[in-house]
Amino acid sequence: MKLPTALIKNLNLKPALKADRRCSDQIHANHYSRRLIAALLLTVGIGLLTGCAGTSTRLGASTGVGNAESFGNKQVPAACREPNTAPLASLADKQSSSQLHLRLGIGYMQKGALETALSELNKSIKIAPGYAEAHSALALLNTRLKRFDEARKNYKRALRISPGDPNINNNFGFFLCQQGEYLAADKKFQCAIANPLYSTPWRAYYNGGICALKADQLKQADIYLRTTIQLRPDLITVLFSLAELAYQQGSYQRSLDYLDRYKISGRPSPQSLMLGIKLANKLEDSDLYASQAMALKNLFPDSEQAQSLYNQ
């Protein structure tokens, strides 16, 4: 089967980070298809998690969080440290055909042709039921379709096949964090980080930091986010997350310093401008308040943050 030229171009996915909305690459024998899944997650996954820092959820029965000591637990299962993460030999000659349908499914998902994407991913799984990446991609699609129970089943199937796969663990951790199951999500992030073949562990550290921030686990969020900035000093969105964290810790000047660094390289967003307004109030800086409020109303007049100013 030959891929259409237009679709091949669409498969040249580029990671995209969006700090304004709610909140993987890996070295492996089937490296190309994993890069596609990683790029897809970065577009629809991390970009969504990034905005979570602005709406921290307090601990309670619904959060799935135990005590603070449970976060960042390094006692991960042995499978999480297993380098050989997927039994590709079992795919035999079916692997190539299954990968083709996986790539097509991801390409159609990127184009918004979700029904066709679903058909292609189901074909991939039918040809090779033991293809963990196909189950993970189907989980991403079902999440996008808001079929959360199905997505959860897809992730569990993928991890039964390849329990130590760092990308799948990171994906599942992101999903669980979206569902408010913060402690369960943290365990998946820890499992991803523990795998020695994870070529981009900063993704799991970053997602773990945002998730810990949502769970009010500020100490662990600080560890995760500072590790992320060490691994990826060019990742602008981490600066905004650190600014949010410092604000929640009551370190308002430090928060403003991070926010200023973010503004140098990052584009303004309703969240960053609103944080500037909150900092202006805490620091009693009328000039900062006026500039941030004006920018918010002019650049994002229909945003929730701007509306809150109009209603004051």
C-alpha atoms as a PDB file:
ATOM      1  CA  MET A   1       0.000   0.000   0.000  1.00  0.00           C
ATOM      2  CA  LYS A   2       1.382   3.373  -0.954  1.00  0.00           C
ATOM      3  CA  LEU A   3       0.709   6.450   1.131  1.00  0.00           C
ATOM      4  CA  PRO A   4      -0.785   9.469  -0.688  1.00  0.00           C
ATOM      5  CA  THR A   5       1.776  12.257  -1.096  1.00  0.00           C
ATOM      6  CA  ALA A   6      -0.436  14.793   0.722  1.00  0.00           C
ATOM      7  CA  LEU A   7      -0.838  12.510   3.703  1.00  0.00           C
ATOM      8  CA  ILE A   8       2.879  11.811   3.876  1.00  0.00           C
ATOM      9  CA  LYS A   9       3.433  15.549   4.173  1.00  0.00           C
ATOM     10  CA  ASN A  10       0.872  15.705   6.960  1.00  0.00           C
ATOM     11  CA  LEU A  11       2.747  13.025   8.852  1.00  0.00           C
ATOM     12  CA  ASN A  12       5.750  15.324   9.225  1.00  0.00           C
ATOM     13  CA  LEU A  13       4.427  16.309  12.636  1.00  0.00           C
ATOM     14  CA  LYS A  14       5.997  19.108  14.608  1.00  0.00           C
ATOM     15  CA  PRO A  15       5.602  19.336  18.400  1.00  0.00           C
ATOM     16  CA  ALA A  16       3.565  22.302  19.517  1.00  0.00           C
ATOM     17  CA  LEU A  17       3.320  23.698  23.026  1.00  0.00           C
ATOM     18  CA  LYS A  18       0.409  25.906  24.033  1.00  0.00           C
ATOM     19  CA  ALA A  19       0.580  27.409  27.507  1.00  0.00           C
ATOM     20  CA  ASP A  20      -2.935  28.797  27.204  1.00  0.00           C
ATOM     21  CA  ARG A  21      -4.989  25.568  27.238  1.00  0.00           C
ATOM     22  CA  ARG A  22      -5.629  22.668  29.598  1.00  0.00           C
ATOM     23  CA  CYS A  23      -3.137  20.080  30.364  1.00  0.00           C
ATOM     24  CA  SER A  24       6.238  11.848  23.712  1.00  0.00           C
ATOM     25  CA  ASP A  25      10.038  10.820  21.199  1.00  0.00           C
ATOM     26  CA  GLN A  26      11.477   7.483  22.127  1.00  0.00           C
ATOM     27  CA  ILE A  27      14.324   5.270  20.915  1.00  0.00           C
ATOM     28  CA  HIS A  28      12.890   1.901  19.882  1.00  0.00           C
ATOM     29  CA  ALA A  29      12.957  -0.648  17.087  1.00  0.00           C
ATOM     30  CA  ASN A  30       9.787   0.879  15.617  1.00  0.00           C
ATOM     31  CA  HIS A  31      11.183   4.384  16.111  1.00  0.00           C
ATOM     32  CA  TYR A  32       9.243   6.101  13.311  1.00  0.00           C
ATOM     33  CA  SER A  33       5.749   5.252  14.503  1.00  0.00           C
ATOM     34  CA  ARG A  34       6.657   6.155  18.095  1.00  0.00           C
ATOM     35  CA  ARG A  35       7.828   9.565  16.911  1.00  0.00           C
ATOM     36  CA  LEU A  36       4.423  10.099  15.361  1.00  0.00           C
ATOM     37  CA  ILE A  37       2.605   9.166  18.568  1.00  0.00           C
ATOM     38  CA  ALA A  38       5.016  11.294  20.607  1.00  0.00           C
ATOM     39  CA  ALA A  39       4.418  14.309  18.392  1.00  0.00           C
ATOM     40  CA  LEU A  40       0.664  13.803  18.559  1.00  0.00           C
ATOM     41  CA  LEU A  41       0.740  13.674  22.347  1.00  0.00           C
ATOM     42  CA  LEU A  42       2.821  16.810  22.537  1.00  0.00           C
ATOM     43  CA  THR A  43       0.227  18.616  20.417  1.00  0.00           C
ATOM     44  CA  VAL A  44      -2.945  17.440  22.121  1.00  0.00           C
ATOM     45  CA  GLY A  45      -1.535  16.370  25.456  1.00  0.00           C
ATOM     46  CA  ILE A  46       1.060  18.614  26.971  1.00  0.00           C
ATOM     47  CA  GLY A  47      -0.509  21.678  25.446  1.00  0.00           C
ATOM     48  CA  LEU A  48      -3.673  20.898  27.365  1.00  0.00           C
ATOM     49  CA  LEU A  49      -1.925  20.220  30.618  1.00  0.00           C
ATOM     50  CA  THR A  50       0.033  23.446  30.473  1.00  0.00           C
ATOM     51  CA  GLY A  51      -2.938  25.585  31.420  1.00  0.00           C
ATOM     52  CA  CYS A  52      -3.765  23.455  34.455  1.00  0.00           C
ATOM     53  CA  ALA A  53      -1.447  25.423  36.704  1.00  0.00           C
ATOM     54  CA  GLY A  54      -3.818  28.358  36.826  1.00  0.00           C
ATOM     55  CA  THR A  55      -6.679  26.393  38.378  1.00  0.00           C
ATOM     56  CA  SER A  56      -5.264  24.382  41.227  1.00  0.00           C
ATOM     57  CA  THR A  57      -7.645  21.790  42.678  1.00  0.00           C
ATOM     58  CA  ARG A  58      -7.694  21.451  46.440  1.00  0.00           C
ATOM     59  CA  LEU A  59      -7.165  18.029  47.946  1.00  0.00           C
ATOM     60  CA  GLY A  60     -10.250  16.027  48.716  1.00  0.00           C
ATOM     61  CA  ALA A  61     -11.924  12.703  48.248  1.00  0.00           C
ATOM     62  CA  SER A  62     -12.379  13.304  44.539  1.00  0.00           C
ATOM     63  CA  THR A  63      -8.742  14.021  43.740  1.00  0.00           C
ATOM     64  CA  GLY A  64      -7.403  10.511  44.165  1.00  0.00           C
ATOM     65  CA  VAL A  65      -4.508  11.910  46.219  1.00  0.00           C
ATOM     66  CA  GLY A  66      -3.328  10.317  49.426  1.00  0.00           C
ATOM     67  CA  ASN A  67      -0.839  12.241  51.537  1.00  0.00           C
ATOM     68  CA  ALA A  68       2.002  14.420  50.305  1.00  0.00           C
ATOM     69  CA  GLU A  69       4.559  11.731  51.072  1.00  0.00           C
ATOM     70  CA  SER A  70       3.047   9.505  48.377  1.00  0.00           C
ATOM     71  CA  PHE A  71       3.969  11.844  45.554  1.00  0.00           C
ATOM     72  CA  GLY A  72       7.299  11.284  43.851  1.00  0.00           C
ATOM     73  CA  ASN A  73       7.585   7.772  45.277  1.00  0.00           C
ATOM     74  CA  LYS A  74      10.638   6.147  43.710  1.00  0.00           C
ATOM     75  CA  GLN A  75       9.498   2.616  44.597  1.00  0.00           C
ATOM     76  CA  VAL A  76       8.232   1.927  41.101  1.00  0.00           C
ATOM     77  CA  PRO A  77       7.578  -1.605  39.815  1.00  0.00           C
ATOM     78  CA  ALA A  78      10.501  -3.454  38.268  1.00  0.00           C
ATOM     79  CA  ALA A  79       8.735  -3.438  34.890  1.00  0.00           C
ATOM     80  CA  CYS A  80       9.079   0.342  34.791  1.00  0.00           C
ATOM     81  CA  ARG A  81      12.857  -0.066  34.601  1.00  0.00           C
ATOM     82  CA  GLU A  82      12.759  -2.748  31.930  1.00  0.00           C
ATOM     83  CA  PRO A  83      14.638  -1.581  28.797  1.00  0.00           C
ATOM     84  CA  ASN A  84      12.967  -4.087  26.447  1.00  0.00           C
ATOM     85  CA  THR A  85       9.541  -2.489  26.564  1.00  0.00           C
ATOM     86  CA  ALA A  86       7.616  -4.133  23.726  1.00  0.00           C
ATOM     87  CA  PRO A  87       7.607  -7.702  22.397  1.00  0.00           C
ATOM     88  CA  LEU A  88       7.937  -6.665  18.751  1.00  0.00           C
ATOM     89  CA  ALA A  89       9.050 -10.126  17.701  1.00  0.00           C
ATOM     90  CA  SER A  90       5.489 -11.335  18.211  1.00  0.00           C
ATOM     91  CA  LEU A  91       4.315  -8.982  15.470  1.00  0.00           C
ATOM     92  CA  ALA A  92       6.459 -10.788  12.883  1.00  0.00           C
ATOM     93  CA  ASP A  93       5.570  -9.906   9.289  1.00  0.00           C
ATOM     94  CA  LYS A  94       2.337  -8.253  10.374  1.00  0.00           C
ATOM     95  CA  GLN A  95       4.259  -5.402  11.944  1.00  0.00           C
ATOM     96  CA  SER A  96       4.798  -3.422   8.739  1.00  0.00           C
ATOM     97  CA  SER A  97       1.135  -3.483   7.713  1.00  0.00           C
ATOM     98  CA  SER A  98      -0.014  -2.664  11.237  1.00  0.00           C
ATOM     99  CA  GLN A  99       2.397   0.264  11.418  1.00  0.00           C
ATOM    100  CA  LEU A 100       1.086   1.580   8.116  1.00  0.00           C
ATOM    101  CA  HIS A 101      -2.481   1.726   9.407  1.00  0.00           C
ATOM    102  CA  LEU A 102      -1.218   3.303  12.634  1.00  0.00           C
ATOM    103  CA  ARG A 103       0.514   6.070  10.695  1.00  0.00           C
ATOM    104  CA  LEU A 104      -2.559   6.623   8.569  1.00  0.00           C
ATOM    105  CA  GLY A 105      -4.737   6.769  11.675  1.00  0.00           C
ATOM    106  CA  ILE A 106      -2.504   9.355  13.315  1.00  0.00           C
ATOM    107  CA  GLY A 107      -2.397  11.393  10.117  1.00  0.00           C
ATOM    108  CA  TYR A 108      -6.170  11.443   9.827  1.00  0.00           C
ATOM    109  CA  MET A 109      -6.446  12.324  13.511  1.00  0.00           C
ATOM    110  CA  GLN A 110      -4.210  15.334  12.943  1.00  0.00           C
ATOM    111  CA  LYS A 111      -6.413  16.410  10.041  1.00  0.00           C
ATOM    112  CA  GLY A 112      -9.571  16.101  12.147  1.00  0.00           C
ATOM    113  CA  ALA A 113     -10.944  13.157  10.163  1.00  0.00           C
ATOM    114  CA  LEU A 114     -11.699  11.257  13.358  1.00  0.00           C
ATOM    115  CA  GLU A 115     -14.032   8.619  11.924  1.00  0.00           C
ATOM    116  CA  THR A 116     -11.446   7.606   9.323  1.00  0.00           C
ATOM    117  CA  ALA A 117      -8.715   7.697  11.978  1.00  0.00           C
ATOM    118  CA  LEU A 118     -10.763   5.351  14.146  1.00  0.00           C
ATOM    119  CA  SER A 119     -11.146   2.923  11.246  1.00  0.00           C
ATOM    120  CA  GLU A 120      -7.405   2.908  10.514  1.00  0.00           C
ATOM    121  CA  LEU A 121      -6.400   2.400  14.138  1.00  0.00           C
ATOM    122  CA  ASN A 122      -8.875  -0.464  14.522  1.00  0.00           C
ATOM    123  CA  LYS A 123      -7.362  -2.060  11.403  1.00  0.00           C
ATOM    124  CA  SER A 124      -3.895  -1.728  12.927  1.00  0.00           C
ATOM    125  CA  ILE A 125      -5.020  -3.503  16.093  1.00  0.00           C
ATOM    126  CA  LYS A 126      -6.920  -6.197  14.182  1.00  0.00           C
ATOM    127  CA  ILE A 127      -3.805  -7.053  12.175  1.00  0.00           C
ATOM    128  CA  ALA A 128      -1.525  -7.049  15.235  1.00  0.00           C
ATOM    129  CA  PRO A 129      -3.422  -7.190  18.556  1.00  0.00           C
ATOM    130  CA  GLY A 130      -0.095  -7.107  20.375  1.00  0.00           C
ATOM    131  CA  TYR A 131       0.884  -3.706  19.002  1.00  0.00           C
ATOM    132  CA  ALA A 132       0.981  -1.549  22.143  1.00  0.00           C
ATOM    133  CA  GLU A 133       1.462   1.746  20.282  1.00  0.00           C
ATOM    134  CA  ALA A 134      -1.760   1.198  18.318  1.00  0.00           C
ATOM    135  CA  HIS A 135      -3.728   0.738  21.543  1.00  0.00           C
ATOM    136  CA  SER A 136      -2.118   3.900  22.937  1.00  0.00           C
ATOM    137  CA  ALA A 137      -2.987   5.894  19.810  1.00  0.00           C
ATOM    138  CA  LEU A 138      -6.571   4.619  19.997  1.00  0.00           C
ATOM    139  CA  ALA A 139      -6.665   5.805  23.615  1.00  0.00           C
ATOM    140  CA  LEU A 140      -5.660   9.292  22.465  1.00  0.00           C
ATOM    141  CA  LEU A 141      -8.410   9.266  19.852  1.00  0.00           C
ATOM    142  CA  ASN A 142     -11.050   8.033  22.282  1.00  0.00           C
ATOM    143  CA  THR A 143     -10.000  10.746  24.720  1.00  0.00           C
ATOM    144  CA  ARG A 144     -10.484  13.305  21.972  1.00  0.00           C
ATOM    145  CA  LEU A 145     -13.919  11.796  21.291  1.00  0.00           C
ATOM    146  CA  LYS A 146     -14.666  12.070  25.033  1.00  0.00           C
ATOM    147  CA  ARG A 147     -15.069   8.313  25.261  1.00  0.00           C
ATOM    148  CA  PHE A 148     -13.101   8.217  28.482  1.00  0.00           C
ATOM    149  CA  ASP A 149     -14.036   4.700  29.601  1.00  0.00           C
ATOM    150  CA  GLU A 150     -12.869   3.302  26.270  1.00  0.00           C
ATOM    151  CA  ALA A 151      -9.668   5.351  26.429  1.00  0.00           C
ATOM    152  CA  ARG A 152      -8.899   3.955  29.870  1.00  0.00           C
ATOM    153  CA  LYS A 153      -9.369   0.413  28.573  1.00  0.00           C
ATOM    154  CA  ASN A 154      -7.082   1.169  25.618  1.00  0.00           C
ATOM    155  CA  TYR A 155      -4.311   2.401  27.909  1.00  0.00           C
ATOM    156  CA  LYS A 156      -4.631  -0.622  30.181  1.00  0.00           C
ATOM    157  CA  ARG A 157      -4.416  -2.986  27.201  1.00  0.00           C
ATOM    158  CA  ALA A 158      -1.341  -1.154  25.938  1.00  0.00           C
ATOM    159  CA  LEU A 159       0.377  -1.429  29.306  1.00  0.00           C
ATOM    160  CA  ARG A 160      -0.504  -5.112  29.672  1.00  0.00           C
ATOM    161  CA  ILE A 161       1.441  -5.633  26.449  1.00  0.00           C
ATOM    162  CA  SER A 162       4.302  -3.281  27.310  1.00  0.00           C
ATOM    163  CA  PRO A 163       4.162  -2.320  31.017  1.00  0.00           C
ATOM    164  CA  GLY A 164       7.434  -0.389  31.019  1.00  0.00           C
ATOM    165  CA  ASP A 165       6.832   1.681  27.873  1.00  0.00           C
ATOM    166  CA  PRO A 166       7.666   5.260  28.963  1.00  0.00           C
ATOM    167  CA  ASN A 167       5.599   7.005  26.300  1.00  0.00           C
ATOM    168  CA  ILE A 168       2.474   5.014  27.098  1.00  0.00           C
ATOM    169  CA  ASN A 169       2.965   5.540  30.834  1.00  0.00           C
ATOM    170  CA  ASN A 170       3.366   9.267  30.256  1.00  0.00           C
ATOM    171  CA  ASN A 171       0.253   9.311  28.047  1.00  0.00           C
ATOM    172  CA  PHE A 172      -1.777   7.408  30.614  1.00  0.00           C
ATOM    173  CA  GLY A 173      -0.491   9.667  33.394  1.00  0.00           C
ATOM    174  CA  PHE A 174      -1.663  12.698  31.430  1.00  0.00           C
ATOM    175  CA  PHE A 175      -5.068  11.066  30.941  1.00  0.00           C
ATOM    176  CA  LEU A 176      -5.415  10.213  34.637  1.00  0.00           C
ATOM    177  CA  CYS A 177      -4.461  13.759  35.607  1.00  0.00           C
ATOM    178  CA  GLN A 178      -7.217  15.074  33.345  1.00  0.00           C
ATOM    179  CA  GLN A 179      -9.628  12.794  35.173  1.00  0.00           C
ATOM    180  CA  GLY A 180      -8.542  14.185  38.545  1.00  0.00           C
ATOM    181  CA  GLU A 181      -6.749  10.970  39.591  1.00  0.00           C
ATOM    182  CA  TYR A 182      -3.579  12.779  40.557  1.00  0.00           C
ATOM    183  CA  LEU A 183      -1.791  10.177  42.651  1.00  0.00           C
ATOM    184  CA  ALA A 184      -2.443   7.440  40.086  1.00  0.00           C
ATOM    185  CA  ALA A 185      -1.154   9.806  37.408  1.00  0.00           C
ATOM    186  CA  ASP A 186       2.003  10.490  39.401  1.00  0.00           C
ATOM    187  CA  LYS A 187       2.750   6.755  39.562  1.00  0.00           C
ATOM    188  CA  LYS A 188       2.589   6.562  35.762  1.00  0.00           C
ATOM    189  CA  PHE A 189       4.899   9.564  35.394  1.00  0.00           C
ATOM    190  CA  GLN A 190       7.334   7.937  37.806  1.00  0.00           C
ATOM    191  CA  CYS A 191       7.193   4.733  35.793  1.00  0.00           C
ATOM    192  CA  ALA A 192       8.010   6.655  32.607  1.00  0.00           C
ATOM    193  CA  ILE A 193      10.919   8.462  34.258  1.00  0.00           C
ATOM    194  CA  ALA A 194      12.353   5.190  35.601  1.00  0.00           C
ATOM    195  CA  ASN A 195      12.792   3.663  32.143  1.00  0.00           C
ATOM    196  CA  PRO A 196      16.445   3.999  31.048  1.00  0.00           C
ATOM    197  CA  LEU A 197      15.471   4.148  27.354  1.00  0.00           C
ATOM    198  CA  TYR A 198      13.172   7.145  27.737  1.00  0.00           C
ATOM    199  CA  SER A 199      14.873   9.677  25.492  1.00  0.00           C
ATOM    200  CA  THR A 200      12.667  12.615  26.583  1.00  0.00           C
ATOM    201  CA  PRO A 201      12.095  12.226  30.338  1.00  0.00           C
ATOM    202  CA  TRP A 202      11.488  15.970  30.620  1.00  0.00           C
ATOM    203  CA  ARG A 203       7.985  15.337  29.254  1.00  0.00           C
ATOM    204  CA  ALA A 204       7.040  13.160  32.224  1.00  0.00           C
ATOM    205  CA  TYR A 205       8.728  15.554  34.671  1.00  0.00           C
ATOM    206  CA  TYR A 206       6.818  18.466  33.158  1.00  0.00           C
ATOM    207  CA  ASN A 207       3.443  16.705  33.106  1.00  0.00           C
ATOM    208  CA  GLY A 208       4.132  15.434  36.620  1.00  0.00           C
ATOM    209  CA  GLY A 209       4.873  18.971  37.792  1.00  0.00           C
ATOM    210  CA  ILE A 210       1.663  20.390  36.364  1.00  0.00           C
ATOM    211  CA  CYS A 211      -0.326  17.516  37.809  1.00  0.00           C
ATOM    212  CA  ALA A 212       1.273  17.921  41.245  1.00  0.00           C
ATOM    213  CA  LEU A 213       0.462  21.624  41.059  1.00  0.00           C
ATOM    214  CA  LYS A 214      -3.189  20.802  40.399  1.00  0.00           C
ATOM    215  CA  ALA A 215      -3.158  18.456  43.397  1.00  0.00           C
ATOM    216  CA  ASP A 216      -1.683  21.142  45.686  1.00  0.00           C
ATOM    217  CA  GLN A 217       1.476  19.078  46.083  1.00  0.00           C
ATOM    218  CA  LEU A 218       3.616  22.185  45.813  1.00  0.00           C
ATOM    219  CA  LYS A 219       6.864  20.686  47.091  1.00  0.00           C
ATOM    220  CA  GLN A 220       6.752  17.858  44.559  1.00  0.00           C
ATOM    221  CA  ALA A 221       5.639  20.240  41.809  1.00  0.00           C
ATOM    222  CA  ASP A 222       8.709  22.342  42.526  1.00  0.00           C
ATOM    223  CA  ILE A 223      10.990  19.286  42.226  1.00  0.00           C
ATOM    224  CA  TYR A 224       9.434  18.186  38.951  1.00  0.00           C
ATOM    225  CA  LEU A 225       9.376  21.635  37.336  1.00  0.00           C
ATOM    226  CA  ARG A 226      12.933  22.529  38.378  1.00  0.00           C
ATOM    227  CA  THR A 227      14.112  19.211  36.956  1.00  0.00           C
ATOM    228  CA  THR A 228      12.275  19.995  33.725  1.00  0.00           C
ATOM    229  CA  ILE A 229      13.965  23.375  33.337  1.00  0.00           C
ATOM    230  CA  GLN A 230      17.344  21.721  33.951  1.00  0.00           C
ATOM    231  CA  LEU A 231      16.683  19.175  31.223  1.00  0.00           C
ATOM    232  CA  ARG A 232      15.061  21.642  28.833  1.00  0.00           C
ATOM    233  CA  PRO A 233      16.166  25.218  29.642  1.00  0.00           C
ATOM    234  CA  ASP A 234      14.614  26.372  26.364  1.00  0.00           C
ATOM    235  CA  LEU A 235      11.113  25.187  27.306  1.00  0.00           C
ATOM    236  CA  ILE A 236       9.343  28.493  27.791  1.00  0.00           C
ATOM    237  CA  THR A 237       6.138  27.111  29.260  1.00  0.00           C
ATOM    238  CA  VAL A 238       8.012  25.802  32.308  1.00  0.00           C
ATOM    239  CA  LEU A 239       8.795  29.397  33.281  1.00  0.00           C
ATOM    240  CA  PHE A 240       5.099  30.208  33.382  1.00  0.00           C
ATOM    241  CA  SER A 241       4.408  27.090  35.454  1.00  0.00           C
ATOM    242  CA  LEU A 242       7.184  28.054  37.885  1.00  0.00           C
ATOM    243  CA  ALA A 243       5.661  31.539  38.111  1.00  0.00           C
ATOM    244  CA  GLU A 244       2.297  29.983  38.997  1.00  0.00           C
ATOM    245  CA  LEU A 245       3.961  27.742  41.568  1.00  0.00           C
ATOM    246  CA  ALA A 246       5.849  30.600  43.209  1.00  0.00           C
ATOM    247  CA  TYR A 247       2.598  32.595  43.399  1.00  0.00           C
ATOM    248  CA  GLN A 248       0.841  29.720  45.169  1.00  0.00           C
ATOM    249  CA  GLN A 249       3.789  29.492  47.569  1.00  0.00           C
ATOM    250  CA  GLY A 250       3.418  33.193  48.377  1.00  0.00           C
ATOM    251  CA  SER A 251       6.757  34.124  46.794  1.00  0.00           C
ATOM    252  CA  TYR A 252       5.344  37.004  44.760  1.00  0.00           C
ATOM    253  CA  GLN A 253       8.597  38.665  43.708  1.00  0.00           C
ATOM    254  CA  ARG A 254      10.034  35.329  42.597  1.00  0.00           C
ATOM    255  CA  SER A 255       6.822  34.671  40.706  1.00  0.00           C
ATOM    256  CA  LEU A 256       7.159  38.032  38.952  1.00  0.00           C
ATOM    257  CA  ASP A 257      10.769  37.246  38.051  1.00  0.00           C
ATOM    258  CA  TYR A 258       9.709  33.981  36.393  1.00  0.00           C
ATOM    259  CA  LEU A 259       6.841  35.749  34.653  1.00  0.00           C
ATOM    260  CA  ASP A 260       9.187  38.428  33.311  1.00  0.00           C
ATOM    261  CA  ARG A 261      11.491  35.717  31.938  1.00  0.00           C
ATOM    262  CA  TYR A 262       8.496  34.055  30.344  1.00  0.00           C
ATOM    263  CA  LYS A 263       7.386  37.327  28.727  1.00  0.00           C
ATOM    264  CA  ILE A 264      10.788  37.804  27.094  1.00  0.00           C
ATOM    265  CA  SER A 265      10.450  34.606  25.095  1.00  0.00           C
ATOM    266  CA  GLY A 266       6.789  33.677  25.295  1.00  0.00           C
ATOM    267  CA  ARG A 267       3.692  35.188  23.767  1.00  0.00           C
ATOM    268  CA  PRO A 268       1.146  36.756  26.142  1.00  0.00           C
ATOM    269  CA  SER A 269      -1.855  34.683  27.071  1.00  0.00           C
ATOM    270  CA  PRO A 270      -4.968  35.347  29.165  1.00  0.00           C
ATOM    271  CA  GLN A 271      -3.448  33.193  31.907  1.00  0.00           C
ATOM    272  CA  SER A 272      -0.089  34.982  31.989  1.00  0.00           C
ATOM    273  CA  LEU A 273      -1.715  38.431  31.905  1.00  0.00           C
ATOM    274  CA  MET A 274      -4.113  37.501  34.691  1.00  0.00           C
ATOM    275  CA  LEU A 275      -1.206  36.242  36.763  1.00  0.00           C
ATOM    276  CA  GLY A 276       0.477  39.604  36.190  1.00  0.00           C
ATOM    277  CA  ILE A 277      -2.671  41.337  37.454  1.00  0.00           C
ATOM    278  CA  LYS A 278      -2.784  39.176  40.572  1.00  0.00           C
ATOM    279  CA  LEU A 279       0.889  39.857  41.232  1.00  0.00           C
ATOM    280  CA  ALA A 280       0.321  43.583  40.758  1.00  0.00           C
ATOM    281  CA  ASN A 281      -2.354  43.447  43.458  1.00  0.00           C
ATOM    282  CA  LYS A 282      -0.107  41.513  45.844  1.00  0.00           C
ATOM    283  CA  LEU A 283       2.872  43.805  45.222  1.00  0.00           C
ATOM    284  CA  GLU A 284       0.687  46.956  45.169  1.00  0.00           C
ATOM    285  CA  ASP A 285       2.135  47.944  41.785  1.00  0.00           C
ATOM    286  CA  SER A 286      -0.439  50.159  40.046  1.00  0.00           C
ATOM    287  CA  ASP A 287       1.604  50.547  36.866  1.00  0.00           C
ATOM    288  CA  LEU A 288       1.934  46.796  36.441  1.00  0.00           C
ATOM    289  CA  TYR A 289      -1.790  46.390  37.063  1.00  0.00           C
ATOM    290  CA  ALA A 290      -2.708  48.997  34.455  1.00  0.00           C
ATOM    291  CA  SER A 291      -0.439  47.531  31.770  1.00  0.00           C
ATOM    292  CA  GLN A 292      -1.551  43.949  32.329  1.00  0.00           C
ATOM    293  CA  ALA A 293      -5.239  44.839  32.502  1.00  0.00           C
ATOM    294  CA  MET A 294      -5.065  46.900  29.313  1.00  0.00           C
ATOM    295  CA  ALA A 295      -3.242  44.129  27.450  1.00  0.00           C
ATOM    296  CA  LEU A 296      -5.755  41.538  28.619  1.00  0.00           C
ATOM    297  CA  LYS A 297      -8.761  43.598  27.519  1.00  0.00           C
ATOM    298  CA  ASN A 298      -7.189  44.547  24.174  1.00  0.00           C
ATOM    299  CA  LEU A 299      -5.679  41.200  23.198  1.00  0.00           C
ATOM    300  CA  PHE A 300      -8.214  38.788  24.675  1.00  0.00           C
ATOM    301  CA  PRO A 301     -11.481  40.725  25.142  1.00  0.00           C
ATOM    302  CA  ASP A 302     -13.632  37.570  25.013  1.00  0.00           C
ATOM    303  CA  SER A 303     -11.545  35.514  27.416  1.00  0.00           C
ATOM    304  CA  GLU A 304     -12.827  34.380  30.782  1.00  0.00           C
ATOM    305  CA  GLN A 305     -10.074  36.393  32.448  1.00  0.00           C
ATOM    306  CA  ALA A 306     -11.047  39.605  30.659  1.00  0.00           C
ATOM    307  CA  GLN A 307     -14.697  39.079  31.490  1.00  0.00           C
ATOM    308  CA  SER A 308     -13.813  38.788  35.150  1.00  0.00           C
ATOM    309  CA  LEU A 309     -12.228  42.254  34.961  1.00  0.00           C
ATOM    310  CA  TYR A 310     -15.294  43.725  33.289  1.00  0.00           C
ATOM    311  CA  ASN A 311     -17.475  42.317  36.071  1.00  0.00           C
ATOM    312  CA  GLN A 312     -15.405  43.854  38.881  1.00  0.00           C
END
